[in-house]
Amino acid sequence: MPKRAGFTLIEMLISIAIIGILTVGSIPSILNSIEVRSLDNAARDIVSSLQLAKWQAVSGKLNHRVRFLATAGVWSYRIESENPPGTWTAEPRTTIKSVPTKFTVGMNLPAGYTVVFTPIGFLSGYDSTLNTVTLTSAKLGGLSQPNRWTIRIFASGSFQLLKAAG
C-alpha cells in the first residue's frame, strides 16, 4: 500500500499552536498601532477643519471660525461663519465633530476657544501665547511612546502638527 502525501494531525496542531502564539504575541503591538493611528486621525481631523474654515473664509469673503466646545467632558468643534457682522452661524455644509473621549484635550486658544480666519486667510486677533490645541493619550504615555500631538496655529493661518512624548 503506497504512503499518502499530506500532513498528520500532530503536524497540523503544532502549526496552529505556533500561529496562535505568534498572534497573541503581536496583539499589544497591533493595539498600540491602533491607538497611535486614532490619535493621529483625531489631530488631523482638527487640522482639516481649520484648513476648511480658512478656505471658506477666503473663498466666501467672510470671517469664519472653528469653535471648540466642552460639553459634559466631551470636546467638539464646528465651523461657523460671521454674517452679518457679529452674528455667528454654523456652516450648513459642515458637521459638528468631536474628539474621542479617550484623549485628553488641552486648549491654549483665545477666550471662547475659537480660531477666527479673516477673508484673506489670516487669523483675527492672533496672540502667539494662545495658539495651540493638544491631544494626549494616557495609554501611549504608559507605554513610554510619543503620546502628545500638538497643533500650532500661526498668524498667517498655517498649521504645524508636532508629536512628542509627554
Protein backbone atom coordinates (compact mmCIF):
# COMPACT_ATOMS: atom_id res chain seq x y z
CA MET A 1 0.00 0.00 0.00
CA PRO A 2 1.57 3.36 -1.05
CA LYS A 3 2.09 6.10 1.53
CA ARG A 4 -0.22 9.13 1.11
CA ALA A 5 1.19 12.65 0.90
CA GLY A 6 -0.14 15.19 3.39
CA PHE A 7 0.11 16.41 6.96
CA THR A 8 -0.52 14.39 10.09
CA LEU A 9 -2.87 15.60 12.78
CA ILE A 10 0.06 16.33 15.11
CA GLU A 11 1.79 18.48 12.48
CA MET A 12 -1.41 20.45 11.93
CA LEU A 13 -1.91 21.02 15.68
CA ILE A 14 1.69 22.18 16.14
CA SER A 15 1.33 24.60 13.21
CA ILE A 16 -1.90 26.04 14.63
CA ALA A 17 -0.28 26.39 18.07
CA ILE A 18 2.70 28.29 16.61
CA ILE A 19 0.38 30.62 14.68
CA GLY A 20 -1.65 31.20 17.86
CA ILE A 21 1.43 32.04 19.93
CA LEU A 22 2.67 34.49 17.29
CA THR A 23 -0.76 36.12 17.09
CA VAL A 24 -1.07 36.53 20.86
CA GLY A 25 2.44 37.97 20.97
CA SER A 26 1.65 40.58 18.33
CA ILE A 27 -1.67 41.82 19.82
CA PRO A 28 -0.09 44.51 22.08
CA SER A 29 1.82 45.91 19.11
CA ILE A 30 -1.33 45.96 17.00
CA LEU A 31 -3.32 47.68 19.76
CA ASN A 32 -0.59 50.31 20.19
CA SER A 33 -0.62 50.95 16.45
CA ILE A 34 -4.38 51.40 16.55
CA GLU A 35 -4.06 53.91 19.41
CA VAL A 36 -1.35 55.87 17.57
CA ARG A 37 -3.47 55.91 14.41
CA SER A 38 -6.54 57.03 16.34
CA LEU A 39 -4.64 59.91 17.99
CA ASP A 40 -3.17 60.89 14.64
CA ASN A 41 -6.60 60.83 12.97
CA ALA A 42 -8.15 62.98 15.70
CA ALA A 43 -5.40 65.60 15.35
CA ARG A 44 -5.59 65.56 11.55
CA ASP A 45 -9.38 65.98 11.67
CA ILE A 46 -8.88 69.18 13.67
CA VAL A 47 -6.25 70.42 11.21
CA SER A 48 -8.59 69.61 8.29
CA SER A 49 -11.38 71.62 9.90
CA LEU A 50 -9.03 74.55 10.45
CA GLN A 51 -7.91 74.38 6.82
CA LEU A 52 -11.52 74.18 5.61
CA ALA A 53 -12.52 77.21 7.71
CA LYS A 54 -9.59 79.18 6.28
CA TRP A 55 -10.51 78.17 2.73
CA GLN A 56 -14.17 79.09 3.27
CA ALA A 57 -13.18 82.48 4.73
CA VAL A 58 -11.07 83.27 1.69
CA SER A 59 -13.48 81.93 -0.91
CA GLY A 60 -16.62 83.40 0.71
CA LYS A 61 -15.00 86.71 1.71
CA LEU A 62 -16.44 86.33 5.23
CA ASN A 63 -14.87 85.69 8.61
CA HIS A 64 -15.02 82.01 9.50
CA ARG A 65 -14.05 80.33 12.72
CA VAL A 66 -13.55 76.94 14.26
CA ARG A 67 -15.22 76.96 17.64
CA PHE A 68 -14.34 74.35 20.26
CA LEU A 69 -16.89 73.43 22.93
CA ALA A 70 -16.61 71.22 26.01
CA THR A 71 -19.94 69.66 26.97
CA ALA A 72 -20.12 67.04 29.71
CA GLY A 73 -16.42 66.23 29.29
CA VAL A 74 -16.64 65.80 25.51
CA TRP A 75 -14.80 68.24 23.25
CA SER A 76 -16.48 69.05 19.97
CA TYR A 77 -15.79 71.62 17.29
CA ARG A 78 -17.56 73.13 14.33
CA ILE A 79 -17.05 75.68 11.61
CA GLU A 80 -19.09 78.87 11.79
CA SER A 81 -19.36 81.94 9.56
CA GLU A 82 -19.96 85.56 10.52
CA ASN A 83 -22.83 87.02 8.51
CA PRO A 84 -23.97 89.68 9.30
CA PRO A 85 -21.05 91.05 11.34
CA GLY A 86 -21.31 89.99 14.97
CA THR A 87 -23.61 87.05 14.23
CA TRP A 88 -22.03 83.61 14.01
CA THR A 89 -23.93 80.71 12.45
CA ALA A 90 -22.92 77.11 11.89
CA GLU A 91 -21.81 76.36 8.35
CA PRO A 92 -24.55 74.26 6.74
CA ARG A 93 -22.12 72.21 4.64
CA THR A 94 -20.16 71.01 7.66
CA THR A 95 -20.90 68.81 10.65
CA ILE A 96 -20.06 69.02 14.32
CA LYS A 97 -17.08 66.81 15.03
CA SER A 98 -15.88 65.53 18.38
CA VAL A 99 -12.59 64.38 19.84
CA PRO A 100 -12.67 60.79 21.15
CA THR A 101 -13.11 60.85 24.93
CA LYS A 102 -10.11 58.56 25.44
CA PHE A 103 -7.87 61.55 24.66
CA THR A 104 -7.17 64.46 26.97
CA VAL A 105 -7.67 67.78 25.20
CA GLY A 106 -5.64 70.86 26.09
CA MET A 107 -6.78 74.22 24.75
CA ASN A 108 -4.48 77.20 24.63
CA LEU A 109 -6.67 79.41 22.47
CA PRO A 110 -8.21 82.86 22.90
CA ALA A 111 -11.30 83.30 25.07
CA GLY A 112 -14.19 81.27 23.77
CA TYR A 113 -11.84 78.62 22.37
CA THR A 114 -12.10 79.92 18.84
CA VAL A 115 -9.79 80.31 15.86
CA VAL A 116 -11.08 83.09 13.59
CA PHE A 117 -9.94 83.42 9.96
CA THR A 118 -10.31 86.67 8.06
CA PRO A 119 -11.27 86.89 4.36
CA ILE A 120 -7.55 87.00 3.49
CA GLY A 121 -6.85 83.75 5.40
CA PHE A 122 -5.03 85.27 8.35
CA LEU A 123 -6.00 84.84 11.99
CA SER A 124 -8.02 87.61 13.56
CA GLY A 125 -6.66 88.84 16.89
CA TYR A 126 -3.66 86.50 16.80
CA ASP A 127 -1.82 86.01 20.08
CA SER A 128 1.42 83.99 19.95
CA THR A 129 0.82 82.76 23.51
CA LEU A 130 -2.66 81.42 22.67
CA ASN A 131 -2.24 79.28 19.59
CA THR A 132 -2.27 75.55 20.36
CA VAL A 133 -4.58 72.58 20.69
CA THR A 134 -3.08 69.48 22.32
CA LEU A 135 -4.34 65.90 22.30
CA THR A 136 -2.80 63.42 24.73
CA SER A 137 -3.19 59.64 25.02
CA ALA A 138 -2.74 58.27 28.53
CA LYS A 139 -2.46 54.75 27.12
CA LEU A 140 0.54 55.62 24.92
CA GLY A 141 2.12 57.61 27.76
CA GLY A 142 2.03 54.50 29.94
CA LEU A 143 3.94 52.66 27.23
CA SER A 144 6.70 55.31 27.03
CA GLN A 145 5.73 56.22 23.47
CA PRO A 146 5.04 59.63 21.91
CA ASN A 147 1.60 60.40 23.28
CA ARG A 148 1.06 64.13 22.73
CA TRP A 149 0.07 65.69 19.41
CA THR A 150 0.12 69.50 19.41
CA ILE A 151 -1.43 71.62 16.68
CA ARG A 152 0.20 75.04 16.43
CA ILE A 153 -1.65 77.77 14.62
CA PHE A 154 0.24 80.72 13.16
CA ALA A 155 -0.88 84.27 12.34
CA SER A 156 -0.67 83.52 8.63
CA GLY A 157 -3.31 80.80 9.01
CA SER A 158 -0.81 77.98 8.61
CA PHE A 159 -0.56 74.99 10.95
CA GLN A 160 2.06 72.69 12.38
CA LEU A 161 1.42 69.24 13.87
CA LEU A 162 4.03 68.25 16.47
CA LYS A 163 4.33 64.79 18.02
CA ALA A 164 6.13 64.34 21.33
CA ALA A 165 6.35 62.24 24.47
CA GLY A 166 4.73 63.91 27.41
